[in-house]
Amino acid sequence: MFTSVLMIEKPLTSVDVEFVTTLHGDEPVSFVVLMQPRGDQDRLLRAIDDVALGELEEAVHEAGEPAGPAAKAPAERALEHSLQSLRGTGSAAVGRLVEDHPLDLLKSVVDEVNADEVIVLTAPHYVEEFFHRDWASRARHKVGVPVLKLFAHSEEAHSE
């Protein structure tokens, strides 16, 4: 069985689930999902990314989003939704919230489960990517397995 560690920031959409579960053809895949609650530390960078993408409404919405400890309960629900969606395809899936030091946790999980790859599934973060401060860029130097960076889909974009 192929084992992927999947790092996410928001609940998986049906398109995301289909994509990650079919990446390796018919080979069975087991997922360890790491979900990081949104924090105050990256709020400014997210707003800059939204403005760069011309998504001014999203930039304004970021200001009203829960962050820090208030973001934990929504992150737990998002993680559970994502795990159920993956399991619904027949994949094995477990997960946990990232409390501190996401890259240290990622490295320990990769080692613990003998992962074959890491998939970082996020919205575009142009500022962080430009300076190679995004999760995928930083993880490539730490985990010792291939790191695949994918952009998450938005359900709204596919409901039209």
N, C-alpha and C. Protein backbone atom coordinates (compact mmCIF):
# COMPACT_ATOMS: atom_id res chain seq x y z
N MET A 1 0.84 -1.18 0.00
CA MET A 1 0.00 0.00 0.00
C MET A 1 0.88 1.24 0.00
N PHE A 2 0.48 2.23 -0.77
CA PHE A 2 1.20 3.50 -0.89
C PHE A 2 0.73 4.40 0.24
N THR A 3 1.66 5.04 0.94
CA THR A 3 1.31 5.91 2.07
C THR A 3 1.68 7.35 1.75
N SER A 4 0.67 8.23 1.82
CA SER A 4 0.87 9.66 1.58
C SER A 4 0.54 10.45 2.84
N VAL A 5 1.40 11.40 3.16
CA VAL A 5 1.08 12.37 4.20
C VAL A 5 0.54 13.58 3.47
N LEU A 6 -0.67 13.97 3.82
CA LEU A 6 -1.39 15.04 3.12
C LEU A 6 -1.51 16.23 4.05
N MET A 7 -0.86 17.34 3.70
CA MET A 7 -0.95 18.57 4.49
C MET A 7 -1.99 19.48 3.86
N ILE A 8 -2.97 19.90 4.68
CA ILE A 8 -4.05 20.75 4.17
C ILE A 8 -4.28 21.94 5.10
N GLU A 9 -4.96 22.96 4.55
CA GLU A 9 -5.31 24.15 5.32
C GLU A 9 -6.82 24.32 5.46
N LYS A 10 -7.56 23.63 4.62
CA LYS A 10 -9.02 23.75 4.65
C LYS A 10 -9.60 22.40 4.26
N PRO A 11 -10.92 22.21 4.46
CA PRO A 11 -11.51 20.90 4.15
C PRO A 11 -11.30 20.54 2.68
N LEU A 12 -11.10 19.26 2.45
CA LEU A 12 -10.95 18.79 1.08
C LEU A 12 -12.28 18.90 0.34
N THR A 13 -12.23 19.36 -0.89
CA THR A 13 -13.43 19.36 -1.73
C THR A 13 -13.53 18.00 -2.40
N SER A 14 -14.66 17.73 -3.01
CA SER A 14 -14.83 16.45 -3.71
C SER A 14 -13.82 16.33 -4.85
N VAL A 15 -13.49 17.43 -5.49
CA VAL A 15 -12.49 17.42 -6.58
C VAL A 15 -11.12 17.07 -6.02
N ASP A 16 -10.76 17.66 -4.88
CA ASP A 16 -9.47 17.36 -4.24
C ASP A 16 -9.38 15.89 -3.86
N VAL A 17 -10.45 15.36 -3.28
CA VAL A 17 -10.47 13.96 -2.86
C VAL A 17 -10.28 13.05 -4.06
N GLU A 18 -11.02 13.32 -5.12
CA GLU A 18 -10.87 12.50 -6.32
C GLU A 18 -9.45 12.58 -6.86
N PHE A 19 -8.89 13.76 -6.87
CA PHE A 19 -7.54 13.94 -7.41
C PHE A 19 -6.50 13.18 -6.61
N VAL A 20 -6.47 13.37 -5.29
CA VAL A 20 -5.42 12.73 -4.49
C VAL A 20 -5.60 11.22 -4.39
N THR A 21 -6.84 10.74 -4.48
CA THR A 21 -7.05 9.29 -4.37
C THR A 21 -6.80 8.57 -5.69
N THR A 22 -6.67 9.30 -6.78
CA THR A 22 -6.42 8.66 -8.08
C THR A 22 -5.03 8.97 -8.63
N LEU A 23 -4.21 9.65 -7.86
CA LEU A 23 -2.86 9.99 -8.31
C LEU A 23 -2.03 8.77 -8.68
N HIS A 24 -2.25 7.67 -8.01
CA HIS A 24 -1.42 6.48 -8.21
C HIS A 24 -2.20 5.34 -8.86
N GLY A 25 -3.15 5.71 -9.71
CA GLY A 25 -3.91 4.70 -10.44
C GLY A 25 -4.73 3.84 -9.51
N ASP A 26 -4.65 2.54 -9.70
CA ASP A 26 -5.45 1.60 -8.92
C ASP A 26 -4.76 1.14 -7.64
N GLU A 27 -3.54 1.61 -7.40
CA GLU A 27 -2.82 1.21 -6.20
C GLU A 27 -3.53 1.75 -4.95
N PRO A 28 -3.78 0.91 -3.95
CA PRO A 28 -4.42 1.40 -2.72
C PRO A 28 -3.52 2.43 -2.03
N VAL A 29 -4.16 3.47 -1.50
CA VAL A 29 -3.42 4.55 -0.84
C VAL A 29 -3.95 4.73 0.58
N SER A 30 -3.02 4.92 1.49
CA SER A 30 -3.34 5.24 2.87
C SER A 30 -2.90 6.69 3.10
N PHE A 31 -3.74 7.47 3.78
CA PHE A 31 -3.43 8.89 4.02
C PHE A 31 -3.29 9.18 5.50
N VAL A 32 -2.29 10.01 5.81
CA VAL A 32 -2.20 10.64 7.12
C VAL A 32 -2.37 12.13 6.82
N VAL A 33 -3.46 12.69 7.31
CA VAL A 33 -3.80 14.08 7.00
C VAL A 33 -3.38 14.97 8.16
N LEU A 34 -2.62 16.00 7.84
CA LEU A 34 -2.22 16.99 8.84
C LEU A 34 -2.91 18.30 8.48
N MET A 35 -3.70 18.80 9.41
CA MET A 35 -4.46 20.03 9.20
C MET A 35 -3.98 21.09 10.17
N GLN A 36 -3.54 22.22 9.64
CA GLN A 36 -3.09 23.30 10.50
C GLN A 36 -4.16 24.37 10.62
N PRO A 37 -4.65 24.62 11.84
CA PRO A 37 -5.61 25.70 12.02
C PRO A 37 -5.00 27.02 11.55
N ARG A 38 -5.84 27.85 10.98
CA ARG A 38 -5.37 29.14 10.48
C ARG A 38 -4.91 29.97 11.66
N GLY A 39 -3.82 30.69 11.47
CA GLY A 39 -3.27 31.47 12.57
C GLY A 39 -3.11 32.93 12.22
N ASP A 40 -2.93 33.74 13.25
CA ASP A 40 -2.72 35.17 13.04
C ASP A 40 -1.45 35.44 12.26
N GLN A 41 -0.45 34.55 12.42
CA GLN A 41 0.85 34.81 11.82
C GLN A 41 0.82 34.87 10.30
N ASP A 42 -0.13 34.21 9.67
CA ASP A 42 -0.15 34.23 8.21
C ASP A 42 -1.33 35.00 7.64
N ARG A 43 -2.10 35.68 8.47
CA ARG A 43 -3.27 36.43 8.02
C ARG A 43 -2.88 37.51 7.01
N LEU A 44 -1.83 38.27 7.29
CA LEU A 44 -1.40 39.33 6.38
C LEU A 44 -0.97 38.75 5.03
N LEU A 45 -0.20 37.66 5.05
CA LEU A 45 0.23 37.05 3.79
C LEU A 45 -0.96 36.54 2.98
N ARG A 46 -1.96 35.97 3.65
CA ARG A 46 -3.16 35.51 2.93
C ARG A 46 -3.90 36.68 2.30
N ALA A 47 -3.99 37.79 3.02
CA ALA A 47 -4.68 38.97 2.47
C ALA A 47 -3.92 39.53 1.27
N ILE A 48 -2.59 39.56 1.34
CA ILE A 48 -1.80 40.03 0.21
C ILE A 48 -1.99 39.11 -0.99
N ASP A 49 -2.00 37.81 -0.77
CA ASP A 49 -2.25 36.86 -1.86
C ASP A 49 -3.62 37.10 -2.49
N ASP A 50 -4.63 37.32 -1.65
CA ASP A 50 -5.98 37.56 -2.17
C ASP A 50 -6.01 38.82 -3.02
N VAL A 51 -5.36 39.87 -2.57
CA VAL A 51 -5.31 41.12 -3.35
C VAL A 51 -4.57 40.88 -4.65
N ALA A 52 -3.46 40.14 -4.60
CA ALA A 52 -2.68 39.85 -5.81
C ALA A 52 -3.51 39.07 -6.82
N LEU A 53 -4.41 38.23 -6.34
CA LEU A 53 -5.26 37.44 -7.22
C LEU A 53 -6.51 38.20 -7.66
N GLY A 54 -6.66 39.44 -7.18
CA GLY A 54 -7.83 40.22 -7.53
C GLY A 54 -9.07 39.81 -6.76
N GLU A 55 -8.88 39.11 -5.65
CA GLU A 55 -10.00 38.63 -4.83
C GLU A 55 -10.15 39.53 -3.61
N LEU A 56 -10.61 40.76 -3.85
CA LEU A 56 -10.71 41.73 -2.78
C LEU A 56 -11.71 41.30 -1.70
N GLU A 57 -12.81 40.65 -2.11
CA GLU A 57 -13.79 40.19 -1.13
C GLU A 57 -13.16 39.17 -0.18
N GLU A 58 -12.30 38.29 -0.72
CA GLU A 58 -11.62 37.31 0.12
C GLU A 58 -10.69 38.00 1.10
N ALA A 59 -9.99 39.05 0.66
CA ALA A 59 -9.07 39.77 1.53
C ALA A 59 -9.83 40.38 2.70
N VAL A 60 -11.01 40.92 2.44
CA VAL A 60 -11.83 41.49 3.51
C VAL A 60 -12.34 40.38 4.41
N HIS A 61 -12.72 39.24 3.84
CA HIS A 61 -13.23 38.10 4.61
C HIS A 61 -12.18 37.58 5.57
N GLU A 62 -10.90 37.61 5.17
CA GLU A 62 -9.81 37.12 6.03
C GLU A 62 -9.82 37.82 7.38
N ALA A 63 -10.17 39.11 7.40
CA ALA A 63 -10.15 39.87 8.64
C ALA A 63 -11.17 39.34 9.65
N GLY A 64 -12.26 38.76 9.18
CA GLY A 64 -13.29 38.26 10.07
C GLY A 64 -13.19 36.78 10.39
N GLU A 65 -12.19 36.09 9.86
CA GLU A 65 -12.03 34.66 10.08
C GLU A 65 -11.42 34.38 11.45
N PRO A 66 -11.89 33.31 12.13
CA PRO A 66 -11.28 32.99 13.41
C PRO A 66 -9.81 32.60 13.22
N ALA A 67 -9.01 32.96 14.20
CA ALA A 67 -7.59 32.63 14.14
C ALA A 67 -7.14 32.19 15.53
N GLY A 68 -5.95 31.62 15.59
CA GLY A 68 -5.40 31.19 16.86
C GLY A 68 -6.28 30.13 17.50
N PRO A 69 -6.49 30.20 18.83
CA PRO A 69 -7.29 29.20 19.52
C PRO A 69 -8.73 29.10 18.99
N ALA A 70 -9.30 30.20 18.53
CA ALA A 70 -10.67 30.19 18.01
C ALA A 70 -10.77 29.38 16.72
N ALA A 71 -9.67 29.16 16.05
CA ALA A 71 -9.67 28.42 14.79
C ALA A 71 -9.61 26.91 15.00
N LYS A 72 -9.39 26.47 16.24
CA LYS A 72 -9.20 25.03 16.48
C LYS A 72 -10.46 24.21 16.20
N ALA A 73 -11.60 24.63 16.70
CA ALA A 73 -12.84 23.86 16.49
C ALA A 73 -13.20 23.76 15.01
N PRO A 74 -13.17 24.88 14.24
CA PRO A 74 -13.44 24.74 12.80
C PRO A 74 -12.42 23.83 12.10
N ALA A 75 -11.16 23.88 12.54
CA ALA A 75 -10.13 23.02 11.94
C ALA A 75 -10.40 21.55 12.25
N GLU A 76 -10.87 21.26 13.46
CA GLU A 76 -11.21 19.87 13.81
C GLU A 76 -12.35 19.36 12.94
N ARG A 77 -13.36 20.20 12.70
CA ARG A 77 -14.48 19.80 11.83
C ARG A 77 -14.00 19.61 10.40
N ALA A 78 -13.13 20.51 9.93
CA ALA A 78 -12.60 20.40 8.57
C ALA A 78 -11.78 19.12 8.41
N LEU A 79 -11.00 18.79 9.42
CA LEU A 79 -10.19 17.57 9.39
C LEU A 79 -11.10 16.34 9.34
N GLU A 80 -12.11 16.30 10.20
CA GLU A 80 -13.02 15.15 10.23
C GLU A 80 -13.76 15.00 8.91
N HIS A 81 -14.21 16.11 8.33
CA HIS A 81 -14.87 16.08 7.02
C HIS A 81 -13.93 15.49 5.97
N SER A 82 -12.69 15.94 5.97
CA SER A 82 -11.71 15.47 5.00
C SER A 82 -11.41 13.99 5.16
N LEU A 83 -11.28 13.53 6.41
CA LEU A 83 -11.02 12.11 6.66
C LEU A 83 -12.20 11.26 6.19
N GLN A 84 -13.41 11.69 6.48
CA GLN A 84 -14.59 10.95 6.04
C GLN A 84 -14.67 10.89 4.52
N SER A 85 -14.33 12.00 3.87
CA SER A 85 -14.36 12.04 2.40
C SER A 85 -13.36 11.06 1.81
N LEU A 86 -12.15 11.01 2.38
CA LEU A 86 -11.14 10.07 1.89
C LEU A 86 -11.57 8.63 2.14
N ARG A 87 -12.09 8.37 3.33
CA ARG A 87 -12.55 7.01 3.66
C ARG A 87 -13.70 6.58 2.75
N GLY A 88 -14.51 7.55 2.34
CA GLY A 88 -15.63 7.26 1.46
C GLY A 88 -15.20 6.71 0.11
N THR A 89 -13.95 6.91 -0.26
CA THR A 89 -13.43 6.37 -1.52
C THR A 89 -12.81 4.98 -1.33
N GLY A 90 -12.78 4.52 -0.08
CA GLY A 90 -12.16 3.24 0.21
C GLY A 90 -10.72 3.36 0.68
N SER A 91 -10.21 4.58 0.77
CA SER A 91 -8.84 4.80 1.25
C SER A 91 -8.81 4.78 2.77
N ALA A 92 -7.71 4.31 3.31
CA ALA A 92 -7.49 4.43 4.75
C ALA A 92 -7.06 5.85 5.03
N ALA A 93 -7.57 6.45 6.12
CA ALA A 93 -7.21 7.84 6.43
C ALA A 93 -7.29 8.09 7.92
N VAL A 94 -6.22 8.63 8.46
CA VAL A 94 -6.16 9.11 9.84
C VAL A 94 -5.62 10.52 9.78
N GLY A 95 -5.77 11.27 10.86
CA GLY A 95 -5.27 12.63 10.81
C GLY A 95 -5.12 13.26 12.17
N ARG A 96 -4.52 14.42 12.15
CA ARG A 96 -4.37 15.19 13.38
C ARG A 96 -4.17 16.66 13.03
N LEU A 97 -4.49 17.49 14.02
CA LEU A 97 -4.26 18.92 13.87
C LEU A 97 -2.79 19.21 14.16
N VAL A 98 -2.28 20.19 13.48
CA VAL A 98 -0.92 20.66 13.72
C VAL A 98 -1.02 21.77 14.75
N GLU A 99 -0.43 21.56 15.90
CA GLU A 99 -0.48 22.56 16.96
C GLU A 99 0.72 23.51 16.86
N ASP A 100 1.90 22.97 16.78
CA ASP A 100 3.13 23.76 16.73
C ASP A 100 4.09 23.10 15.75
N HIS A 101 5.00 23.86 15.25
CA HIS A 101 6.11 23.36 14.44
C HIS A 101 5.67 22.37 13.37
N PRO A 102 4.95 22.84 12.35
CA PRO A 102 4.39 21.92 11.35
C PRO A 102 5.44 21.07 10.64
N LEU A 103 6.60 21.63 10.37
CA LEU A 103 7.60 20.85 9.64
C LEU A 103 8.24 19.77 10.51
N ASP A 104 8.39 20.04 11.79
CA ASP A 104 8.90 19.01 12.70
C ASP A 104 7.90 17.86 12.80
N LEU A 105 6.61 18.21 12.93
CA LEU A 105 5.58 17.17 12.98
C LEU A 105 5.55 16.39 11.68
N LEU A 106 5.63 17.09 10.56
CA LEU A 106 5.63 16.43 9.25
C LEU A 106 6.76 15.42 9.17
N LYS A 107 7.95 15.82 9.55
CA LYS A 107 9.11 14.92 9.49
C LYS A 107 8.89 13.71 10.38
N SER A 108 8.38 13.91 11.59
CA SER A 108 8.18 12.77 12.50
C SER A 108 7.09 11.84 11.98
N VAL A 109 6.03 12.38 11.38
CA VAL A 109 4.96 11.53 10.84
C VAL A 109 5.48 10.75 9.63
N VAL A 110 6.23 11.40 8.75
CA VAL A 110 6.80 10.71 7.59
C VAL A 110 7.65 9.53 8.05
N ASP A 111 8.48 9.76 9.07
CA ASP A 111 9.33 8.69 9.59
C ASP A 111 8.51 7.60 10.28
N GLU A 112 7.53 8.01 11.08
CA GLU A 112 6.72 7.08 11.86
C GLU A 112 5.92 6.11 10.98
N VAL A 113 5.34 6.62 9.89
CA VAL A 113 4.50 5.77 9.04
C VAL A 113 5.24 5.26 7.81
N ASN A 114 6.53 5.61 7.71
CA ASN A 114 7.33 5.22 6.56
C ASN A 114 6.64 5.67 5.26
N ALA A 115 6.29 6.95 5.21
CA ALA A 115 5.54 7.51 4.09
C ALA A 115 6.34 7.44 2.79
N ASP A 116 5.60 7.28 1.70
CA ASP A 116 6.21 7.26 0.37
C ASP A 116 6.32 8.66 -0.22
N GLU A 117 5.43 9.56 0.22
CA GLU A 117 5.43 10.92 -0.32
C GLU A 117 4.69 11.85 0.63
N VAL A 118 4.88 13.14 0.38
CA VAL A 118 4.12 14.19 1.05
C VAL A 118 3.39 14.95 -0.04
N ILE A 119 2.11 15.20 0.20
CA ILE A 119 1.33 16.04 -0.70
C ILE A 119 0.92 17.28 0.09
N VAL A 120 1.33 18.45 -0.40
CA VAL A 120 0.92 19.70 0.21
C VAL A 120 -0.18 20.27 -0.68
N LEU A 121 -1.38 20.36 -0.13
CA LEU A 121 -2.55 20.81 -0.88
C LEU A 121 -3.03 22.12 -0.27
N THR A 122 -2.71 23.23 -0.94
CA THR A 122 -3.05 24.54 -0.40
C THR A 122 -3.57 25.45 -1.50
N ALA A 123 -4.13 26.56 -1.08
CA ALA A 123 -4.45 27.63 -2.01
C ALA A 123 -3.12 28.26 -2.44
N PRO A 124 -3.08 28.97 -3.56
CA PRO A 124 -1.84 29.65 -3.94
C PRO A 124 -1.43 30.67 -2.88
N HIS A 125 -0.15 30.68 -2.56
CA HIS A 125 0.42 31.64 -1.62
C HIS A 125 1.62 32.29 -2.30
N TYR A 126 1.34 33.24 -3.15
CA TYR A 126 2.38 33.79 -4.02
C TYR A 126 3.52 34.45 -3.27
N VAL A 127 3.21 35.17 -2.20
CA VAL A 127 4.27 35.84 -1.46
C VAL A 127 5.20 34.81 -0.83
N GLU A 128 4.62 33.82 -0.15
CA GLU A 128 5.44 32.78 0.49
C GLU A 128 6.19 31.96 -0.55
N GLU A 129 5.54 31.64 -1.66
CA GLU A 129 6.19 30.84 -2.70
C GLU A 129 7.36 31.59 -3.33
N PHE A 130 7.17 32.87 -3.55
CA PHE A 130 8.24 33.68 -4.14
C PHE A 130 9.51 33.62 -3.29
N PHE A 131 9.32 33.67 -1.98
CA PHE A 131 10.47 33.63 -1.07
C PHE A 131 10.78 32.21 -0.59
N HIS A 132 10.13 31.21 -1.19
CA HIS A 132 10.33 29.79 -0.82
C HIS A 132 10.10 29.55 0.66
N ARG A 133 9.06 30.20 1.20
CA ARG A 133 8.71 30.04 2.61
C ARG A 133 7.43 29.22 2.76
N ASP A 134 6.90 28.71 1.65
CA ASP A 134 5.69 27.89 1.72
C ASP A 134 6.04 26.50 2.23
N TRP A 135 5.02 25.76 2.68
CA TRP A 135 5.24 24.44 3.27
C TRP A 135 5.98 23.51 2.33
N ALA A 136 5.58 23.48 1.08
CA ALA A 136 6.19 22.51 0.16
C ALA A 136 7.68 22.80 -0.02
N SER A 137 8.04 24.05 -0.23
CA SER A 137 9.45 24.40 -0.43
C SER A 137 10.27 24.05 0.80
N ARG A 138 9.74 24.37 1.97
CA ARG A 138 10.47 24.09 3.20
C ARG A 138 10.52 22.59 3.50
N ALA A 139 9.45 21.87 3.19
CA ALA A 139 9.40 20.43 3.47
C ALA A 139 10.39 19.66 2.61
N ARG A 140 10.61 20.11 1.39
CA ARG A 140 11.53 19.39 0.49
C ARG A 140 12.92 19.23 1.08
N HIS A 141 13.30 20.15 1.96
CA HIS A 141 14.63 20.11 2.57
C HIS A 141 14.65 19.34 3.88
N LYS A 142 13.50 18.83 4.29
CA LYS A 142 13.43 18.25 5.63
C LYS A 142 12.98 16.80 5.68
N VAL A 143 12.10 16.36 4.79
CA VAL A 143 11.42 15.08 5.01
C VAL A 143 12.06 13.86 4.38
N GLY A 144 12.85 14.01 3.35
CA GLY A 144 13.54 12.86 2.78
C GLY A 144 12.70 11.99 1.85
N VAL A 145 11.49 12.44 1.49
CA VAL A 145 10.65 11.74 0.51
C VAL A 145 10.17 12.79 -0.49
N PRO A 146 9.68 12.36 -1.65
CA PRO A 146 9.18 13.35 -2.62
C PRO A 146 8.04 14.19 -2.03
N VAL A 147 8.04 15.48 -2.36
CA VAL A 147 7.00 16.40 -1.92
C VAL A 147 6.31 16.94 -3.15
N LEU A 148 5.02 16.68 -3.22
CA LEU A 148 4.20 17.13 -4.34
C LEU A 148 3.35 18.29 -3.87
N LYS A 149 3.40 19.39 -4.60
CA LYS A 149 2.60 20.56 -4.24
C LYS A 149 1.44 20.67 -5.21
N LEU A 150 0.22 20.71 -4.66
CA LEU A 150 -0.98 20.83 -5.46
C LEU A 150 -1.81 22.00 -4.95
N PHE A 151 -2.55 22.62 -5.86
CA PHE A 151 -3.43 23.70 -5.45
C PHE A 151 -4.82 23.15 -5.19
N ALA A 152 -5.35 23.50 -4.02
CA ALA A 152 -6.69 23.05 -3.62
C ALA A 152 -7.74 23.68 -4.51
N HIS A 153 -8.83 22.96 -4.68
CA HIS A 153 -9.96 23.45 -5.46
C HIS A 153 -10.99 24.08 -4.55
N SER A 154 -11.79 24.93 -5.12
CA SER A 154 -12.88 25.55 -4.40
C SER A 154 -14.18 24.97 -4.92
N GLU A 155 -15.06 24.52 -4.02
CA GLU A 155 -16.34 23.94 -4.44
C GLU A 155 -17.14 24.95 -5.25
N GLU A 156 -17.06 26.25 -4.89
CA GLU A 156 -17.83 27.25 -5.61
C GLU A 156 -17.46 27.30 -7.08
N ALA A 157 -16.20 27.10 -7.38
CA ALA A 157 -15.74 27.19 -8.77
C ALA A 157 -16.32 26.06 -9.61
N HIS A 158 -16.73 24.96 -8.97
CA HIS A 158 -17.21 23.81 -9.74
C HIS A 158 -18.72 23.66 -9.69
N SER A 159 -19.40 24.59 -9.03
CA SER A 159 -20.86 24.46 -8.92
C SER A 159 -21.58 25.27 -9.99
N GLU A 160 -20.86 25.92 -10.86
CA GLU A 160 -21.47 26.75 -11.89
C GLU A 160 -21.97 25.91 -13.03
